[in-house]
Amino acid sequence: MCNDKTSAPRLHYVDAHHVQGDGACLDRVDVRGETGQQIGTLDGVIVDVEAGRVLYFVVHSGNGRVPRWKVLPFVSARLDRSHRALSVECDRALAVPFSKLDRDAFPNFADDEHKSTLF
């Protein structure tokens, strides 16, 4: 995914504080699997700007001393506003390790005027 140079210009990283779902900002929202298990917190999403859709969730896990990021393919998601949690349908076996260097290699969608809406 990250080494595919032909698709790199169409893929952009959007920081979670620029992502909205059901009218709420998804910055630091918990990401949980279908059975409620904690996966991490939403760091951002990777979008295909030409197709106008989210392809991957970037999830931060680990503690402050050993930060880790994972990329999960986007299938579907449901926001639980009362618990500030995003329930995602995913196969954790498909999660790919990700790093801040990987994240920074993507063009960043940093302009506040361009918020990305998941649902």
N, C-alpha and C. Protein backbone atom coordinates (compact mmCIF):
# COMPACT_ATOMS: atom_id res chain seq x y z
N MET A 1 0.82 -1.18 0.00
CA MET A 1 0.00 0.00 0.00
C MET A 1 0.87 1.25 0.00
N CYS A 2 1.79 1.36 0.95
CA CYS A 2 2.57 2.58 1.11
C CYS A 2 3.65 2.72 0.05
N ASN A 3 4.05 1.62 -0.58
CA ASN A 3 5.12 1.67 -1.56
C ASN A 3 4.61 1.79 -2.98
N ASP A 4 3.32 1.87 -3.18
CA ASP A 4 2.73 1.96 -4.51
C ASP A 4 2.83 3.40 -5.00
N LYS A 5 3.89 3.71 -5.75
CA LYS A 5 4.14 5.09 -6.18
C LYS A 5 3.11 5.58 -7.19
N THR A 6 2.50 4.70 -7.95
CA THR A 6 1.52 5.13 -8.94
C THR A 6 0.26 5.66 -8.29
N SER A 7 -0.11 5.16 -7.12
CA SER A 7 -1.33 5.62 -6.47
C SER A 7 -1.06 6.67 -5.41
N ALA A 8 0.21 6.93 -5.09
CA ALA A 8 0.53 7.85 -4.00
C ALA A 8 -0.09 9.23 -4.17
N PRO A 9 -0.09 9.87 -5.36
CA PRO A 9 -0.68 11.19 -5.46
C PRO A 9 -2.19 11.22 -5.20
N ARG A 10 -2.87 10.13 -5.43
CA ARG A 10 -4.31 10.12 -5.18
C ARG A 10 -4.63 9.84 -3.73
N LEU A 11 -3.69 9.28 -2.97
CA LEU A 11 -3.93 8.97 -1.58
C LEU A 11 -3.42 10.10 -0.70
N HIS A 12 -4.28 10.54 0.22
CA HIS A 12 -3.92 11.62 1.14
C HIS A 12 -4.23 11.17 2.56
N TYR A 13 -3.39 11.63 3.48
CA TYR A 13 -3.64 11.39 4.89
C TYR A 13 -4.45 12.56 5.43
N VAL A 14 -5.51 12.25 6.19
CA VAL A 14 -6.33 13.28 6.84
C VAL A 14 -6.26 13.02 8.33
N ASP A 15 -5.70 13.98 9.07
CA ASP A 15 -5.60 13.86 10.52
C ASP A 15 -7.00 13.76 11.13
N ALA A 16 -7.13 13.01 12.21
CA ALA A 16 -8.44 12.75 12.81
C ALA A 16 -9.17 14.02 13.23
N HIS A 17 -8.46 15.08 13.58
CA HIS A 17 -9.17 16.30 13.97
C HIS A 17 -9.79 17.01 12.78
N HIS A 18 -9.53 16.52 11.58
CA HIS A 18 -10.18 17.03 10.37
C HIS A 18 -11.27 16.09 9.87
N VAL A 19 -11.54 15.03 10.63
CA VAL A 19 -12.52 14.03 10.20
C VAL A 19 -13.77 14.15 11.07
N GLN A 20 -14.93 14.10 10.41
CA GLN A 20 -16.19 14.16 11.13
C GLN A 20 -17.03 12.94 10.81
N GLY A 21 -17.83 12.55 11.78
CA GLY A 21 -18.79 11.48 11.61
C GLY A 21 -20.04 11.82 12.38
N ASP A 22 -21.16 11.82 11.73
CA ASP A 22 -22.43 12.12 12.38
C ASP A 22 -22.37 13.47 13.09
N GLY A 23 -21.68 14.45 12.46
CA GLY A 23 -21.59 15.79 13.01
C GLY A 23 -20.58 15.98 14.13
N ALA A 24 -19.83 14.94 14.50
CA ALA A 24 -18.86 15.04 15.60
C ALA A 24 -17.44 14.91 15.05
N CYS A 25 -16.52 15.66 15.65
CA CYS A 25 -15.11 15.52 15.31
C CYS A 25 -14.61 14.18 15.87
N LEU A 26 -13.84 13.46 15.07
CA LEU A 26 -13.39 12.13 15.48
C LEU A 26 -11.96 12.12 16.02
N ASP A 27 -11.45 13.28 16.42
CA ASP A 27 -10.12 13.36 16.99
C ASP A 27 -10.04 12.57 18.30
N ARG A 28 -9.10 11.65 18.38
CA ARG A 28 -8.83 10.82 19.56
C ARG A 28 -10.02 9.96 19.99
N VAL A 29 -10.87 9.63 19.07
CA VAL A 29 -11.99 8.74 19.39
C VAL A 29 -11.45 7.31 19.50
N ASP A 30 -11.99 6.53 20.44
CA ASP A 30 -11.59 5.12 20.56
C ASP A 30 -12.03 4.35 19.34
N VAL A 31 -11.19 3.45 18.89
CA VAL A 31 -11.54 2.55 17.79
C VAL A 31 -11.68 1.16 18.38
N ARG A 32 -12.83 0.57 18.14
CA ARG A 32 -13.14 -0.75 18.69
C ARG A 32 -13.57 -1.68 17.57
N GLY A 33 -13.27 -2.96 17.77
CA GLY A 33 -13.72 -3.98 16.81
C GLY A 33 -15.19 -4.27 17.01
N GLU A 34 -15.71 -5.13 16.18
CA GLU A 34 -17.14 -5.46 16.21
C GLU A 34 -17.59 -6.04 17.55
N THR A 35 -16.71 -6.71 18.25
CA THR A 35 -17.09 -7.31 19.53
C THR A 35 -16.77 -6.39 20.70
N GLY A 36 -16.34 -5.15 20.42
CA GLY A 36 -16.06 -4.18 21.47
C GLY A 36 -14.64 -4.13 21.95
N GLN A 37 -13.75 -4.98 21.42
CA GLN A 37 -12.36 -4.97 21.86
C GLN A 37 -11.68 -3.68 21.41
N GLN A 38 -10.87 -3.10 22.30
CA GLN A 38 -10.14 -1.87 22.03
C GLN A 38 -9.03 -2.15 21.03
N ILE A 39 -9.00 -1.38 19.96
CA ILE A 39 -7.92 -1.48 18.98
C ILE A 39 -6.93 -0.35 19.18
N GLY A 40 -7.43 0.84 19.48
CA GLY A 40 -6.58 2.01 19.68
C GLY A 40 -7.41 3.27 19.58
N THR A 41 -6.77 4.37 19.21
CA THR A 41 -7.48 5.62 18.98
C THR A 41 -7.27 6.05 17.54
N LEU A 42 -8.26 6.73 16.99
CA LEU A 42 -8.17 7.15 15.60
C LEU A 42 -7.14 8.25 15.46
N ASP A 43 -6.12 8.02 14.65
CA ASP A 43 -5.09 9.01 14.36
C ASP A 43 -5.46 9.78 13.10
N GLY A 44 -6.11 9.10 12.16
CA GLY A 44 -6.50 9.73 10.91
C GLY A 44 -7.04 8.70 9.94
N VAL A 45 -7.25 9.14 8.72
CA VAL A 45 -7.72 8.25 7.66
C VAL A 45 -6.89 8.51 6.41
N ILE A 46 -6.84 7.52 5.55
CA ILE A 46 -6.22 7.67 4.24
C ILE A 46 -7.34 7.64 3.23
N VAL A 47 -7.40 8.71 2.43
CA VAL A 47 -8.49 8.85 1.47
C VAL A 47 -7.95 8.81 0.05
N ASP A 48 -8.78 8.31 -0.84
CA ASP A 48 -8.51 8.38 -2.28
C ASP A 48 -9.20 9.66 -2.73
N VAL A 49 -8.43 10.70 -3.02
CA VAL A 49 -9.03 12.00 -3.33
C VAL A 49 -9.75 11.99 -4.67
N GLU A 50 -9.32 11.17 -5.61
CA GLU A 50 -10.00 11.11 -6.90
C GLU A 50 -11.37 10.44 -6.78
N ALA A 51 -11.45 9.37 -5.98
CA ALA A 51 -12.72 8.67 -5.79
C ALA A 51 -13.56 9.33 -4.70
N GLY A 52 -12.93 10.15 -3.86
CA GLY A 52 -13.65 10.83 -2.79
C GLY A 52 -14.13 9.89 -1.70
N ARG A 53 -13.28 8.91 -1.34
CA ARG A 53 -13.71 7.97 -0.31
C ARG A 53 -12.55 7.56 0.59
N VAL A 54 -12.92 7.16 1.81
CA VAL A 54 -11.96 6.68 2.79
C VAL A 54 -11.58 5.25 2.42
N LEU A 55 -10.28 4.97 2.42
CA LEU A 55 -9.80 3.61 2.14
C LEU A 55 -9.30 2.91 3.39
N TYR A 56 -8.65 3.67 4.30
CA TYR A 56 -8.03 3.07 5.47
C TYR A 56 -8.20 3.94 6.70
N PHE A 57 -8.29 3.29 7.86
CA PHE A 57 -8.19 3.96 9.16
C PHE A 57 -6.74 3.87 9.60
N VAL A 58 -6.20 4.95 10.16
CA VAL A 58 -4.90 4.91 10.80
C VAL A 58 -5.17 4.97 12.30
N VAL A 59 -4.79 3.92 13.00
CA VAL A 59 -5.12 3.76 14.42
C VAL A 59 -3.83 3.78 15.24
N HIS A 60 -3.83 4.60 16.28
CA HIS A 60 -2.69 4.68 17.18
C HIS A 60 -2.93 3.73 18.34
N SER A 61 -1.95 2.92 18.64
CA SER A 61 -2.06 2.00 19.78
C SER A 61 -0.73 2.00 20.50
N GLY A 62 -0.67 1.37 21.61
CA GLY A 62 0.56 1.35 22.40
C GLY A 62 0.53 2.46 23.43
N ASN A 63 1.60 2.56 24.19
CA ASN A 63 1.66 3.59 25.23
C ASN A 63 2.56 4.73 24.77
N GLY A 64 2.71 5.72 25.62
CA GLY A 64 3.50 6.90 25.28
C GLY A 64 4.96 6.60 24.96
N ARG A 65 5.51 5.59 25.61
CA ARG A 65 6.92 5.25 25.39
C ARG A 65 7.12 4.47 24.09
N VAL A 66 6.14 3.67 23.73
CA VAL A 66 6.26 2.84 22.53
C VAL A 66 5.03 3.06 21.65
N PRO A 67 4.96 4.20 20.95
CA PRO A 67 3.79 4.43 20.10
C PRO A 67 3.80 3.49 18.90
N ARG A 68 2.64 3.04 18.53
CA ARG A 68 2.49 2.17 17.36
C ARG A 68 1.29 2.65 16.57
N TRP A 69 1.39 2.51 15.27
CA TRP A 69 0.26 2.81 14.41
C TRP A 69 -0.05 1.57 13.59
N LYS A 70 -1.32 1.42 13.27
CA LYS A 70 -1.77 0.34 12.40
C LYS A 70 -2.67 0.95 11.33
N VAL A 71 -2.67 0.34 10.18
CA VAL A 71 -3.58 0.73 9.12
C VAL A 71 -4.59 -0.39 8.96
N LEU A 72 -5.87 -0.02 9.05
CA LEU A 72 -6.95 -0.99 8.89
C LEU A 72 -7.76 -0.63 7.65
N PRO A 73 -8.01 -1.60 6.78
CA PRO A 73 -8.86 -1.30 5.63
C PRO A 73 -10.25 -0.86 6.08
N PHE A 74 -10.78 0.18 5.46
CA PHE A 74 -12.12 0.67 5.79
C PHE A 74 -13.15 -0.24 5.13
N VAL A 75 -14.03 -0.82 5.95
CA VAL A 75 -15.16 -1.60 5.44
C VAL A 75 -16.43 -0.87 5.82
N SER A 76 -16.65 -0.74 7.11
CA SER A 76 -17.78 0.05 7.62
C SER A 76 -17.45 0.49 9.03
N ALA A 77 -18.18 1.50 9.49
CA ALA A 77 -17.94 2.02 10.84
C ALA A 77 -19.25 2.58 11.39
N ARG A 78 -19.34 2.53 12.72
CA ARG A 78 -20.52 3.08 13.40
C ARG A 78 -20.02 3.87 14.59
N LEU A 79 -20.48 5.13 14.70
CA LEU A 79 -20.05 5.99 15.78
C LEU A 79 -20.99 5.86 16.97
N ASP A 80 -20.42 5.58 18.14
CA ASP A 80 -21.16 5.56 19.41
C ASP A 80 -20.79 6.86 20.11
N ARG A 81 -21.61 7.88 19.93
CA ARG A 81 -21.30 9.22 20.46
C ARG A 81 -21.22 9.24 21.98
N SER A 82 -22.06 8.47 22.64
CA SER A 82 -22.08 8.51 24.10
C SER A 82 -20.79 7.96 24.72
N HIS A 83 -20.10 7.07 24.02
CA HIS A 83 -18.85 6.50 24.52
C HIS A 83 -17.62 7.01 23.75
N ARG A 84 -17.83 7.95 22.83
CA ARG A 84 -16.77 8.45 21.95
C ARG A 84 -15.95 7.30 21.38
N ALA A 85 -16.69 6.38 20.77
CA ALA A 85 -16.05 5.19 20.20
C ALA A 85 -16.53 4.96 18.78
N LEU A 86 -15.64 4.51 17.96
CA LEU A 86 -15.93 4.16 16.59
C LEU A 86 -15.82 2.64 16.47
N SER A 87 -16.94 1.99 16.20
CA SER A 87 -16.93 0.54 16.01
C SER A 87 -16.68 0.26 14.54
N VAL A 88 -15.63 -0.49 14.27
CA VAL A 88 -15.27 -0.74 12.88
C VAL A 88 -15.39 -2.23 12.56
N GLU A 89 -15.80 -2.48 11.36
CA GLU A 89 -15.82 -3.85 10.86
C GLU A 89 -14.47 -4.06 10.21
N CYS A 90 -13.70 -4.98 10.75
CA CYS A 90 -12.38 -5.21 10.18
C CYS A 90 -11.90 -6.61 10.53
N ASP A 91 -10.97 -7.06 9.73
CA ASP A 91 -10.26 -8.29 10.00
C ASP A 91 -8.90 -7.87 10.53
N ARG A 92 -8.67 -8.01 11.84
CA ARG A 92 -7.42 -7.53 12.45
C ARG A 92 -6.20 -8.19 11.82
N ALA A 93 -6.38 -9.33 11.20
CA ALA A 93 -5.26 -9.99 10.52
C ALA A 93 -4.80 -9.17 9.32
N LEU A 94 -5.68 -8.30 8.80
CA LEU A 94 -5.33 -7.47 7.65
C LEU A 94 -4.67 -6.15 8.07
N ALA A 95 -4.57 -5.90 9.37
CA ALA A 95 -3.94 -4.67 9.85
C ALA A 95 -2.47 -4.67 9.45
N VAL A 96 -2.01 -3.52 9.01
CA VAL A 96 -0.63 -3.36 8.55
C VAL A 96 0.08 -2.40 9.49
N PRO A 97 1.29 -2.75 9.96
CA PRO A 97 2.04 -1.80 10.78
C PRO A 97 2.30 -0.52 9.99
N PHE A 98 2.29 0.58 10.69
CA PHE A 98 2.43 1.89 10.08
C PHE A 98 3.31 2.71 11.00
N SER A 99 3.98 3.71 10.48
CA SER A 99 4.82 4.54 11.34
C SER A 99 4.56 6.01 11.02
N LYS A 100 5.07 6.87 11.86
CA LYS A 100 4.93 8.30 11.62
C LYS A 100 5.62 8.66 10.30
N LEU A 101 6.70 7.97 9.97
CA LEU A 101 7.38 8.23 8.70
C LEU A 101 6.49 7.86 7.53
N ASP A 102 5.78 6.73 7.64
CA ASP A 102 4.84 6.34 6.59
C ASP A 102 3.76 7.41 6.45
N ARG A 103 3.22 7.83 7.60
CA ARG A 103 2.15 8.83 7.61
C ARG A 103 2.61 10.12 6.97
N ASP A 104 3.81 10.55 7.30
CA ASP A 104 4.32 11.82 6.79
C ASP A 104 4.68 11.75 5.30
N ALA A 105 4.78 10.54 4.74
CA ALA A 105 5.07 10.39 3.31
C ALA A 105 3.86 10.72 2.45
N PHE A 106 2.66 10.68 3.03
CA PHE A 106 1.45 11.00 2.28
C PHE A 106 1.25 12.51 2.23
N PRO A 107 0.73 13.02 1.12
CA PRO A 107 0.31 14.43 1.15
C PRO A 107 -0.74 14.58 2.25
N ASN A 108 -0.63 15.67 3.01
CA ASN A 108 -1.52 15.88 4.15
C ASN A 108 -2.67 16.79 3.74
N PHE A 109 -3.84 16.41 4.12
CA PHE A 109 -5.05 17.19 3.89
C PHE A 109 -5.25 18.03 5.14
N ALA A 110 -4.50 19.13 5.28
CA ALA A 110 -4.45 19.85 6.55
C ALA A 110 -5.35 21.07 6.61
N ASP A 111 -5.94 21.48 5.52
CA ASP A 111 -6.75 22.69 5.50
C ASP A 111 -8.09 22.45 6.19
N ASP A 112 -8.43 23.28 7.18
CA ASP A 112 -9.69 23.13 7.92
C ASP A 112 -10.92 23.23 7.03
N GLU A 113 -10.79 23.88 5.87
CA GLU A 113 -11.92 24.00 4.98
C GLU A 113 -12.26 22.69 4.31
N HIS A 114 -11.38 21.73 4.40
CA HIS A 114 -11.56 20.44 3.72
C HIS A 114 -11.72 19.32 4.72
N LYS A 115 -12.70 19.42 5.56
CA LYS A 115 -12.95 18.34 6.50
C LYS A 115 -13.50 17.14 5.73
N SER A 116 -13.10 15.98 6.15
CA SER A 116 -13.57 14.75 5.54
C SER A 116 -14.67 14.16 6.42
N THR A 117 -15.74 13.76 5.81
CA THR A 117 -16.86 13.18 6.55
C THR A 117 -16.94 11.70 6.26
N LEU A 118 -16.92 10.88 7.33
CA LEU A 118 -17.00 9.43 7.15
C LEU A 118 -18.43 8.98 6.87
N PHE A 119 -19.38 9.51 7.63
CA PHE A 119 -20.77 9.09 7.48
C PHE A 119 -21.68 10.15 8.02
